[in-house]
């Protein structure tokens, strides 16, 4: 027989007990209440079946005075349960978002290319830019022959576009002669 003070306890010796989530305990309570209401409703359905020799539909149950408060109570409990479930899901998603966020890592990545020294310190001097004459559009195309005859050719104009005469008559007809 092991002495009482040497037995392993279920509670952690460090005193770190996880607190139960109040939403989840409320949800469990609501589920128990819904089950109780369902038991009362099933009894009412059984008595209706015995009395009228048929299974009632929801409208007949709502017209019965003994089941009307049970149905409204069940609807209210289901609404509370769904609300708490959504609230729990939102809290869990928020926690996962916060847990996955690493602001220090994001800051390191954002400021990665910035040096500790000031860019204005030290010897800096202005260098004059080297200018070259600009090429005219025709000279530019002359040096780049793959643009000749395209829309980028500066010699290209509206007269270079030809339209088949059969199609041209059709376009004149639908545009009213323009």
Protein backbone atom coordinates (compact mmCIF):
# COMPACT_ATOMS: atom_id res chain seq x y z
CA UNK A 1 0.00 0.00 0.00
CA UNK A 2 1.32 3.42 -1.05
CA UNK A 3 1.06 6.22 1.52
CA UNK A 4 -1.41 8.97 0.63
CA UNK A 5 1.20 11.72 0.34
CA UNK A 6 3.16 9.71 -2.27
CA UNK A 7 0.24 8.99 -4.61
CA UNK A 8 0.17 10.68 -7.98
CA UNK A 9 -2.51 13.30 -8.14
CA UNK A 10 -4.56 14.11 -11.23
CA UNK A 11 -4.02 17.82 -10.68
CA UNK A 12 -0.71 19.25 -11.87
CA UNK A 13 1.74 19.98 -9.03
CA UNK A 14 2.61 23.31 -10.66
CA UNK A 15 -0.86 24.72 -10.19
CA UNK A 16 -1.43 25.31 -13.89
CA UNK A 17 -5.00 24.30 -14.37
CA UNK A 18 -6.56 25.05 -17.68
CA UNK A 19 -9.62 27.15 -17.33
CA UNK A 20 -12.65 25.91 -19.16
CA UNK A 21 -13.94 28.08 -21.94
CA UNK A 22 -17.14 29.71 -20.60
CA UNK A 23 -18.70 29.63 -24.06
CA UNK A 24 -18.19 25.89 -24.38
CA UNK A 25 -19.65 25.24 -20.94
CA UNK A 26 -22.67 27.41 -21.82
CA UNK A 27 -23.01 25.50 -25.07
CA UNK A 28 -22.94 22.17 -23.19
CA UNK A 29 -25.61 23.48 -20.79
CA UNK A 30 -27.77 24.58 -23.70
CA UNK A 31 -27.40 21.17 -25.37
CA UNK A 32 -28.55 19.52 -22.13
CA UNK A 33 -31.57 21.86 -21.94
CA UNK A 34 -32.42 21.15 -25.59
CA UNK A 35 -32.27 17.41 -24.87
CA UNK A 36 -34.65 17.84 -21.91
CA UNK A 37 -37.09 19.86 -24.01
CA UNK A 38 -36.86 17.20 -26.74
CA UNK A 39 -37.74 14.53 -24.18
CA UNK A 40 -40.81 16.50 -23.09
CA UNK A 41 -41.78 17.04 -26.72
CA UNK A 42 -41.41 13.33 -27.52
CA UNK A 43 -43.68 12.54 -24.57
CA UNK A 44 -46.23 15.05 -25.85
CA UNK A 45 -46.04 13.51 -29.34
CA UNK A 46 -46.55 10.04 -27.87
CA UNK A 47 -49.62 11.21 -25.93
CA UNK A 48 -51.02 12.93 -29.04
CA UNK A 49 -50.44 9.74 -31.03
CA UNK A 50 -52.25 7.71 -28.38
CA UNK A 51 -55.14 10.19 -28.25
CA UNK A 52 -55.66 10.83 -32.00
CA UNK A 53 -54.13 7.63 -33.45
CA UNK A 54 -51.84 9.57 -35.83
CA UNK A 55 -48.47 11.35 -35.72
CA UNK A 56 -48.86 15.13 -35.39
CA UNK A 57 -47.19 17.62 -37.69
CA UNK A 58 -45.56 20.83 -36.43
CA UNK A 59 -48.68 22.94 -36.95
CA UNK A 60 -50.77 20.57 -34.83
CA UNK A 61 -48.09 20.61 -32.13
CA UNK A 62 -48.04 24.42 -32.11
CA UNK A 63 -51.81 24.51 -31.66
CA UNK A 64 -51.60 22.23 -28.61
CA UNK A 65 -51.37 24.31 -25.42
CA UNK A 66 -48.94 21.96 -23.67
CA UNK A 67 -46.36 21.90 -26.49
CA UNK A 68 -46.45 25.57 -27.58
CA UNK A 69 -44.13 26.80 -24.80
CA UNK A 70 -41.81 23.82 -25.36
CA UNK A 71 -41.47 24.57 -29.07
CA UNK A 72 -40.78 28.28 -28.46
CA UNK A 73 -38.27 27.41 -25.72
CA UNK A 74 -36.52 24.93 -28.04
CA UNK A 75 -36.30 27.53 -30.83
CA UNK A 76 -34.86 30.07 -28.38
CA UNK A 77 -32.27 27.57 -27.10
CA UNK A 78 -31.25 26.56 -30.63
CA UNK A 79 -30.82 30.24 -31.53
CA UNK A 80 -28.64 30.79 -28.43
CA UNK A 81 -26.60 27.69 -29.27
CA UNK A 82 -26.01 28.85 -32.86
CA UNK A 83 -25.04 32.33 -31.64
CA UNK A 84 -22.51 30.92 -29.16
CA UNK A 85 -21.18 28.56 -31.82
CA UNK A 86 -20.59 31.49 -34.20
CA UNK A 87 -19.02 33.51 -31.40
CA UNK A 88 -16.68 30.62 -30.53
CA UNK A 89 -15.72 30.17 -34.18
CA UNK A 90 -15.00 33.90 -34.51
CA UNK A 91 -12.88 33.86 -31.34
CA UNK A 92 -10.98 30.80 -32.58
CA UNK A 93 -10.32 32.41 -35.98
CA UNK A 94 -9.16 35.62 -34.30
CA UNK A 95 -6.85 33.64 -32.01
CA UNK A 96 -5.37 31.72 -34.96
CA UNK A 97 -4.81 35.00 -36.83
CA UNK A 98 -3.08 36.58 -33.83
CA UNK A 99 -1.11 33.42 -33.10
CA UNK A 100 0.15 33.17 -36.67
CA UNK A 101 1.12 36.84 -36.83
CA UNK A 102 4.79 37.62 -36.28
CA UNK A 103 5.24 41.41 -36.14
CA UNK A 104 9.00 41.19 -35.50
CA UNK A 105 9.51 38.96 -38.52
CA UNK A 106 7.39 41.25 -40.69
CA UNK A 107 9.38 44.29 -39.50
CA UNK A 108 12.68 42.56 -40.24
CA UNK A 109 11.47 41.74 -43.74
CA UNK A 110 10.19 45.30 -44.32
CA UNK A 111 13.37 47.03 -43.18
CA UNK A 112 15.76 44.46 -44.64
CA UNK A 113 17.52 46.74 -47.14
CA UNK A 114 17.92 49.78 -44.88
CA UNK A 115 21.43 50.39 -43.59
CA UNK A 116 22.22 51.69 -40.13
CA UNK A 117 24.35 54.57 -41.47
CA UNK A 118 22.87 57.75 -42.86
CA UNK A 119 23.01 58.11 -46.67
CA UNK A 120 23.82 61.82 -46.24
CA UNK A 121 27.04 61.30 -44.28
CA UNK A 122 30.48 61.04 -45.86
CA UNK A 123 31.91 62.59 -49.01
CA UNK A 124 29.32 62.88 -51.68
CA UNK A 125 29.66 64.88 -54.86
CA UNK A 126 27.44 65.80 -57.74
CA UNK A 127 28.25 64.19 -61.07
CA UNK A 128 27.10 65.87 -64.23
CA UNK A 129 25.06 63.60 -66.46
CA UNK A 130 26.29 62.74 -69.91
CA UNK A 131 23.85 63.95 -72.49
CA UNK A 132 23.49 62.57 -76.00
CA UNK A 133 21.38 63.98 -78.80
CA UNK A 134 17.98 62.44 -79.16
CA UNK A 135 17.17 60.40 -82.22
CA UNK A 136 14.35 61.49 -84.45
CA UNK A 137 11.56 58.94 -84.88
CA UNK A 138 12.59 58.19 -88.45
CA UNK A 139 16.25 57.67 -87.47
CA UNK A 140 15.13 55.48 -84.58
CA UNK A 141 13.16 53.25 -86.99
CA UNK A 142 16.09 53.29 -89.35
CA UNK A 143 18.28 51.74 -86.67
CA UNK A 144 15.54 49.26 -85.68
CA UNK A 145 14.25 47.74 -88.91
CA UNK A 146 11.81 45.31 -87.30
CA UNK A 147 9.42 48.24 -86.63
CA UNK A 148 9.10 49.25 -90.28
CA UNK A 149 5.57 48.85 -91.61
CA UNK A 150 4.02 48.46 -88.15
CA UNK A 151 2.03 50.87 -86.02
CA UNK A 152 5.27 51.98 -84.34
CA UNK A 153 6.70 53.14 -87.68
CA UNK A 154 6.56 57.00 -87.65
CA UNK A 155 5.92 57.00 -91.40
CA UNK A 156 2.79 54.88 -90.88
CA UNK A 157 -0.45 56.78 -91.60
CA UNK A 158 -4.13 56.16 -92.38
CA UNK A 159 -3.39 55.81 -96.12
CA UNK A 160 -1.40 52.66 -95.39
CA UNK A 161 -4.57 50.91 -94.33
CA UNK A 162 -6.40 49.31 -97.23
CA UNK A 163 -9.88 47.82 -97.04
CA UNK A 164 -11.32 45.31 -99.46
CA UNK A 165 -13.84 47.18 -101.68
CA UNK A 166 -16.63 44.67 -100.91
CA UNK A 167 -16.21 45.25 -97.18
CA UNK A 168 -15.81 49.01 -97.65
CA UNK A 169 -19.27 49.19 -99.29
CA UNK A 170 -20.74 47.29 -96.33
CA UNK A 171 -19.11 49.66 -93.81
CA UNK A 172 -20.35 52.71 -95.74
CA UNK A 173 -23.84 51.22 -95.80
CA UNK A 174 -24.05 50.59 -92.02
CA UNK A 175 -22.32 53.81 -91.02
CA UNK A 176 -24.49 56.02 -93.21
CA UNK A 177 -21.75 57.08 -95.65
CA UNK A 178 -19.11 58.15 -93.15
